[in-house]
N, C-alpha and C. Protein backbone atom coordinates (compact mmCIF):
# COMPACT_ATOMS: atom_id res chain seq x y z
N UNK A 1 24.70 2.27 12.38
CA UNK A 1 25.31 2.77 11.15
C UNK A 1 24.22 3.37 10.27
N UNK A 2 24.56 4.46 9.63
CA UNK A 2 23.63 5.12 8.72
C UNK A 2 23.86 4.64 7.29
N UNK A 3 22.85 4.82 6.45
CA UNK A 3 23.03 4.45 5.05
C UNK A 3 24.07 5.38 4.42
N UNK A 4 24.68 4.90 3.35
CA UNK A 4 25.73 5.64 2.66
C UNK A 4 25.29 5.93 1.24
N UNK A 5 25.39 7.19 0.84
CA UNK A 5 25.10 7.59 -0.53
C UNK A 5 26.44 7.60 -1.27
N UNK A 6 26.66 6.60 -2.10
CA UNK A 6 27.95 6.44 -2.76
C UNK A 6 28.27 7.60 -3.70
N UNK A 7 27.29 8.06 -4.46
CA UNK A 7 27.52 9.20 -5.37
C UNK A 7 27.93 10.43 -4.58
N UNK A 8 27.32 10.64 -3.44
CA UNK A 8 27.68 11.77 -2.59
C UNK A 8 29.13 11.64 -2.11
N UNK A 9 29.53 10.44 -1.75
CA UNK A 9 30.90 10.21 -1.29
C UNK A 9 31.92 10.51 -2.39
N UNK A 10 31.60 10.12 -3.64
CA UNK A 10 32.52 10.43 -4.75
C UNK A 10 32.69 11.94 -4.92
N UNK A 11 31.69 12.72 -4.55
CA UNK A 11 31.76 14.17 -4.67
C UNK A 11 32.63 14.85 -3.62
N UNK A 12 33.11 14.08 -2.64
CA UNK A 12 33.89 14.66 -1.54
C UNK A 12 35.39 14.76 -1.81
N UNK A 13 35.86 14.23 -2.94
CA UNK A 13 37.30 14.26 -3.20
C UNK A 13 37.57 14.30 -4.70
N UNK A 14 38.78 14.74 -5.05
CA UNK A 14 39.20 14.83 -6.44
C UNK A 14 40.45 14.02 -6.74
N UNK A 15 41.17 13.57 -5.72
CA UNK A 15 42.43 12.87 -5.91
C UNK A 15 42.23 11.62 -6.77
N UNK A 16 43.25 11.32 -7.57
CA UNK A 16 43.25 10.13 -8.43
C UNK A 16 44.06 9.03 -7.76
N UNK A 17 43.58 7.82 -7.87
CA UNK A 17 44.26 6.63 -7.36
C UNK A 17 44.54 6.72 -5.85
N UNK A 18 43.67 7.39 -5.13
CA UNK A 18 43.80 7.53 -3.68
C UNK A 18 42.52 7.01 -3.03
N UNK A 19 42.45 5.70 -2.78
CA UNK A 19 41.22 5.11 -2.24
C UNK A 19 40.78 5.75 -0.92
N UNK A 20 39.48 5.92 -0.79
CA UNK A 20 38.87 6.44 0.43
C UNK A 20 37.99 5.34 1.01
N UNK A 21 38.12 5.09 2.29
CA UNK A 21 37.34 4.05 2.95
C UNK A 21 35.98 4.63 3.31
N UNK A 22 34.91 3.90 2.91
CA UNK A 22 33.56 4.38 3.25
C UNK A 22 32.84 3.45 4.22
N UNK A 23 33.37 2.23 4.40
CA UNK A 23 32.72 1.30 5.33
C UNK A 23 33.63 0.11 5.57
N UNK A 24 33.22 -0.72 6.52
CA UNK A 24 33.95 -1.95 6.84
C UNK A 24 32.92 -3.02 7.18
N UNK A 25 33.19 -4.25 6.74
CA UNK A 25 32.29 -5.36 7.01
C UNK A 25 33.07 -6.66 7.07
N UNK A 26 32.99 -7.36 8.17
CA UNK A 26 33.62 -8.67 8.31
C UNK A 26 35.10 -8.69 7.91
N UNK A 27 35.85 -7.70 8.37
CA UNK A 27 37.28 -7.64 8.06
C UNK A 27 37.60 -7.17 6.66
N UNK A 28 36.61 -6.70 5.93
CA UNK A 28 36.80 -6.18 4.58
C UNK A 28 36.56 -4.67 4.59
N UNK A 29 37.43 -3.94 3.89
CA UNK A 29 37.21 -2.51 3.73
C UNK A 29 36.48 -2.26 2.41
N UNK A 30 35.52 -1.36 2.45
CA UNK A 30 34.83 -0.92 1.25
C UNK A 30 35.42 0.44 0.92
N UNK A 31 36.09 0.52 -0.25
CA UNK A 31 36.80 1.73 -0.64
C UNK A 31 36.27 2.23 -1.97
N UNK A 32 36.30 3.55 -2.15
CA UNK A 32 35.99 4.13 -3.45
C UNK A 32 37.20 4.93 -3.90
N UNK A 33 37.35 5.05 -5.20
CA UNK A 33 38.48 5.79 -5.76
C UNK A 33 38.10 6.34 -7.12
N UNK A 34 38.88 7.32 -7.53
CA UNK A 34 38.79 7.87 -8.88
C UNK A 34 40.12 7.58 -9.55
N UNK A 35 40.07 7.33 -10.85
CA UNK A 35 41.31 7.05 -11.56
C UNK A 35 41.31 7.66 -12.94
N UNK A 36 42.49 8.00 -13.40
CA UNK A 36 42.75 8.44 -14.77
C UNK A 36 44.16 7.97 -15.11
N UNK A 37 44.31 7.32 -16.25
CA UNK A 37 45.62 6.78 -16.62
C UNK A 37 45.91 5.49 -15.87
N UNK A 38 47.20 5.18 -15.73
CA UNK A 38 47.61 3.92 -15.10
C UNK A 38 48.03 4.13 -13.66
N UNK A 39 47.84 3.09 -12.85
CA UNK A 39 48.37 3.07 -11.50
C UNK A 39 49.79 2.49 -11.60
N UNK A 40 50.06 1.32 -11.09
CA UNK A 40 51.34 0.61 -11.23
C UNK A 40 51.05 -0.88 -11.26
N UNK A 41 51.95 -1.65 -11.87
CA UNK A 41 51.83 -3.10 -11.82
C UNK A 41 52.12 -3.55 -10.40
N UNK A 42 51.27 -4.42 -9.87
CA UNK A 42 51.47 -4.92 -8.52
C UNK A 42 50.70 -6.21 -8.29
N UNK A 43 51.00 -6.85 -7.18
CA UNK A 43 50.38 -8.12 -6.81
C UNK A 43 49.98 -8.06 -5.34
N UNK A 44 48.89 -8.71 -5.02
CA UNK A 44 48.50 -8.94 -3.62
C UNK A 44 48.62 -10.44 -3.40
N UNK A 45 49.68 -10.85 -2.74
CA UNK A 45 49.98 -12.28 -2.61
C UNK A 45 48.95 -13.06 -1.81
N UNK A 46 48.28 -12.40 -0.86
CA UNK A 46 47.39 -13.13 0.05
C UNK A 46 45.94 -12.70 0.00
N UNK A 47 45.59 -11.74 -0.86
CA UNK A 47 44.23 -11.23 -0.88
C UNK A 47 43.69 -11.10 -2.30
N UNK A 48 42.41 -11.44 -2.48
CA UNK A 48 41.69 -11.12 -3.71
C UNK A 48 41.35 -9.64 -3.64
N UNK A 49 41.08 -9.03 -4.80
CA UNK A 49 40.69 -7.62 -4.84
C UNK A 49 39.51 -7.48 -5.80
N UNK A 50 38.38 -7.02 -5.27
CA UNK A 50 37.16 -6.87 -6.05
C UNK A 50 37.01 -5.43 -6.52
N UNK A 51 36.74 -5.24 -7.81
CA UNK A 51 36.54 -3.91 -8.40
C UNK A 51 35.12 -3.84 -8.96
N UNK A 52 34.43 -2.74 -8.70
CA UNK A 52 33.11 -2.46 -9.27
C UNK A 52 33.16 -1.04 -9.85
N UNK A 53 32.78 -0.88 -11.11
CA UNK A 53 32.83 0.43 -11.76
C UNK A 53 31.47 1.11 -11.68
N UNK A 54 31.51 2.40 -11.31
CA UNK A 54 30.30 3.22 -11.23
C UNK A 54 30.21 4.22 -12.38
N UNK A 55 31.38 4.70 -12.85
CA UNK A 55 31.41 5.72 -13.91
C UNK A 55 32.71 5.54 -14.70
N UNK A 56 32.64 5.72 -16.00
CA UNK A 56 33.84 5.63 -16.83
C UNK A 56 34.16 4.20 -17.24
N UNK A 57 35.42 3.93 -17.45
CA UNK A 57 35.86 2.59 -17.86
C UNK A 57 37.20 2.28 -17.19
N UNK A 58 37.25 1.11 -16.57
CA UNK A 58 38.45 0.65 -15.89
C UNK A 58 38.93 -0.62 -16.57
N UNK A 59 40.19 -0.60 -16.99
CA UNK A 59 40.80 -1.79 -17.56
C UNK A 59 41.74 -2.38 -16.52
N UNK A 60 41.52 -3.63 -16.18
CA UNK A 60 42.43 -4.34 -15.30
C UNK A 60 43.38 -5.10 -16.20
N UNK A 61 44.57 -4.53 -16.36
CA UNK A 61 45.58 -5.16 -17.20
C UNK A 61 46.19 -6.31 -16.41
N UNK A 62 46.08 -7.50 -16.97
CA UNK A 62 46.71 -8.68 -16.40
C UNK A 62 47.79 -9.11 -17.39
N UNK A 63 48.75 -9.88 -16.97
CA UNK A 63 49.81 -10.29 -17.90
C UNK A 63 49.25 -11.15 -19.04
N UNK A 64 48.20 -11.92 -18.78
CA UNK A 64 47.64 -12.82 -19.80
C UNK A 64 46.55 -12.18 -20.65
N UNK A 65 45.86 -11.17 -20.11
CA UNK A 65 44.75 -10.54 -20.84
C UNK A 65 44.34 -9.26 -20.13
N UNK A 66 43.48 -8.49 -20.77
CA UNK A 66 42.91 -7.28 -20.17
C UNK A 66 41.44 -7.53 -19.88
N UNK A 67 40.99 -7.07 -18.72
CA UNK A 67 39.58 -7.14 -18.34
C UNK A 67 39.06 -5.70 -18.38
N UNK A 68 38.11 -5.43 -19.27
CA UNK A 68 37.55 -4.08 -19.41
C UNK A 68 36.22 -4.03 -18.67
N UNK A 69 36.14 -3.10 -17.71
CA UNK A 69 34.93 -2.94 -16.91
C UNK A 69 34.26 -1.61 -17.20
N UNK A 70 32.97 -1.66 -17.48
CA UNK A 70 32.13 -0.49 -17.69
C UNK A 70 31.21 -0.33 -16.49
N UNK A 71 30.48 0.79 -16.38
CA UNK A 71 29.60 0.99 -15.24
C UNK A 71 28.66 -0.20 -15.03
N UNK A 72 28.57 -0.61 -13.76
CA UNK A 72 27.71 -1.74 -13.40
C UNK A 72 28.40 -3.09 -13.50
N UNK A 73 29.67 -3.11 -13.91
CA UNK A 73 30.39 -4.37 -14.04
C UNK A 73 31.44 -4.50 -12.94
N UNK A 74 31.78 -5.75 -12.61
CA UNK A 74 32.76 -6.01 -11.57
C UNK A 74 33.66 -7.17 -11.96
N UNK A 75 34.80 -7.24 -11.29
CA UNK A 75 35.74 -8.33 -11.50
C UNK A 75 36.55 -8.50 -10.22
N UNK A 76 36.88 -9.75 -9.93
CA UNK A 76 37.74 -10.06 -8.79
C UNK A 76 39.11 -10.49 -9.32
N UNK A 77 40.14 -9.72 -8.96
CA UNK A 77 41.50 -10.11 -9.29
C UNK A 77 41.93 -11.11 -8.22
N UNK A 78 42.20 -12.35 -8.61
CA UNK A 78 42.58 -13.36 -7.61
C UNK A 78 43.93 -13.03 -6.96
N UNK A 79 44.07 -13.46 -5.72
CA UNK A 79 45.34 -13.23 -5.03
C UNK A 79 46.48 -13.81 -5.85
N UNK A 80 47.61 -13.13 -5.83
CA UNK A 80 48.79 -13.58 -6.54
C UNK A 80 48.84 -13.23 -8.01
N UNK A 81 47.79 -12.61 -8.55
CA UNK A 81 47.77 -12.24 -9.97
C UNK A 81 48.26 -10.80 -10.13
N UNK A 82 49.33 -10.63 -10.89
CA UNK A 82 49.86 -9.29 -11.13
C UNK A 82 48.88 -8.52 -12.01
N UNK A 83 48.64 -7.27 -11.64
CA UNK A 83 47.69 -6.45 -12.39
C UNK A 83 48.09 -4.98 -12.33
N UNK A 84 47.55 -4.23 -13.28
CA UNK A 84 47.79 -2.79 -13.34
C UNK A 84 46.49 -2.12 -13.78
N UNK A 85 45.77 -1.48 -12.85
CA UNK A 85 44.55 -0.77 -13.23
C UNK A 85 44.86 0.42 -14.14
N UNK A 86 44.04 0.58 -15.15
CA UNK A 86 44.17 1.69 -16.10
C UNK A 86 42.77 2.25 -16.31
N UNK A 87 42.61 3.56 -16.17
CA UNK A 87 41.27 4.15 -16.21
C UNK A 87 41.16 5.26 -17.25
N UNK A 88 40.00 5.32 -17.87
CA UNK A 88 39.66 6.49 -18.69
C UNK A 88 39.58 7.67 -17.73
N UNK A 89 39.73 8.90 -18.22
CA UNK A 89 39.64 10.06 -17.33
C UNK A 89 38.36 10.07 -16.50
N UNK A 90 38.52 10.38 -15.22
CA UNK A 90 37.44 10.52 -14.24
C UNK A 90 36.60 9.25 -14.06
N UNK A 91 37.25 8.12 -14.04
CA UNK A 91 36.55 6.86 -13.76
C UNK A 91 36.35 6.73 -12.25
N UNK A 92 35.18 6.29 -11.86
CA UNK A 92 34.84 6.10 -10.44
C UNK A 92 34.61 4.62 -10.21
N UNK A 93 35.25 4.07 -9.17
CA UNK A 93 35.10 2.64 -8.90
C UNK A 93 35.20 2.35 -7.42
N UNK A 94 34.76 1.16 -7.06
CA UNK A 94 34.78 0.68 -5.68
C UNK A 94 35.65 -0.55 -5.62
N UNK A 95 36.33 -0.71 -4.49
CA UNK A 95 37.11 -1.92 -4.22
C UNK A 95 36.66 -2.47 -2.88
N UNK A 96 36.55 -3.77 -2.81
CA UNK A 96 36.27 -4.44 -1.55
C UNK A 96 37.40 -5.42 -1.34
N UNK A 97 38.10 -5.25 -0.21
CA UNK A 97 39.29 -6.04 0.03
C UNK A 97 39.55 -6.16 1.53
N UNK A 98 40.30 -7.19 1.94
CA UNK A 98 40.63 -7.34 3.36
C UNK A 98 41.39 -6.11 3.88
N UNK A 99 41.26 -5.85 5.16
CA UNK A 99 41.95 -4.71 5.76
C UNK A 99 43.46 -4.81 5.61
N UNK A 100 43.97 -6.01 5.41
CA UNK A 100 45.42 -6.21 5.29
C UNK A 100 45.97 -5.89 3.90
N UNK A 101 45.11 -5.64 2.94
CA UNK A 101 45.56 -5.42 1.55
C UNK A 101 46.33 -4.11 1.42
N UNK A 102 47.56 -4.20 0.96
CA UNK A 102 48.38 -3.01 0.71
C UNK A 102 47.98 -2.42 -0.64
N UNK A 103 47.89 -1.11 -0.71
CA UNK A 103 47.41 -0.40 -1.90
C UNK A 103 48.06 -0.88 -3.19
N UNK A 104 49.36 -0.89 -3.25
CA UNK A 104 50.05 -1.35 -4.46
C UNK A 104 50.95 -2.55 -4.14
N UNK A 105 50.48 -3.40 -3.24
CA UNK A 105 51.23 -4.60 -2.89
C UNK A 105 52.62 -4.23 -2.39
N UNK A 106 53.61 -4.96 -2.88
CA UNK A 106 55.01 -4.70 -2.51
C UNK A 106 55.66 -3.66 -3.41
N UNK A 107 54.96 -3.22 -4.46
CA UNK A 107 55.50 -2.26 -5.41
C UNK A 107 55.18 -0.84 -4.95
N UNK A 108 56.08 -0.24 -4.19
CA UNK A 108 55.87 1.10 -3.67
C UNK A 108 56.23 2.14 -4.74
N UNK A 109 55.37 3.16 -4.86
CA UNK A 109 55.62 4.24 -5.80
C UNK A 109 55.10 5.54 -5.18
N UNK A 110 55.24 6.63 -5.91
CA UNK A 110 54.74 7.91 -5.41
C UNK A 110 53.22 7.91 -5.27
N UNK A 111 52.55 6.99 -5.90
CA UNK A 111 51.09 6.90 -5.81
C UNK A 111 50.62 5.99 -4.68
N UNK A 112 51.53 5.25 -4.07
CA UNK A 112 51.16 4.31 -3.02
C UNK A 112 50.60 5.05 -1.80
N UNK A 113 49.45 4.54 -1.31
CA UNK A 113 48.85 5.05 -0.09
C UNK A 113 49.04 3.98 0.97
N UNK A 114 49.81 4.30 2.02
CA UNK A 114 50.06 3.32 3.08
C UNK A 114 48.80 3.16 3.94
N UNK A 115 48.73 2.06 4.67
CA UNK A 115 47.54 1.78 5.48
C UNK A 115 47.31 2.86 6.53
N UNK A 116 48.36 3.48 7.05
CA UNK A 116 48.18 4.53 8.05
C UNK A 116 47.77 5.87 7.40
N UNK A 117 47.83 5.96 6.07
CA UNK A 117 47.40 7.16 5.36
C UNK A 117 45.99 7.05 4.80
N UNK A 118 45.37 5.86 4.95
CA UNK A 118 44.03 5.67 4.39
C UNK A 118 43.04 6.61 5.09
N UNK A 119 42.28 7.28 4.27
CA UNK A 119 41.33 8.25 4.78
C UNK A 119 39.91 7.68 4.74
N UNK A 120 39.22 7.82 5.86
CA UNK A 120 37.79 7.48 5.92
C UNK A 120 37.00 8.73 5.57
N UNK A 121 36.00 8.57 4.71
CA UNK A 121 35.13 9.72 4.39
C UNK A 121 33.69 9.33 4.63
């Protein structure tokens, strides 16, 4: 495996809320995405979801509180916790999650990316 330049990978796409897989390790996918505005409220019943922000600001809206992430900060949404990511324009972030994690859990919307649609870059 070759080293990966994450900034270079972010330059390969413009889509919002469409995670791109850049690597895999021990059954976990390493994904990057860009976001602006809100995604959808959803839950991952069996998987934690780790978010790391590289650029912009990502708010993980939880029913009990909001977690605001700036560049260099991360947060793990525990399995079973309903959340709705909300991003300032052109926010860049990474997610590390099991290969079984559905993009928007059971809440399907026009923004949902199915596992067979996941793009490796």
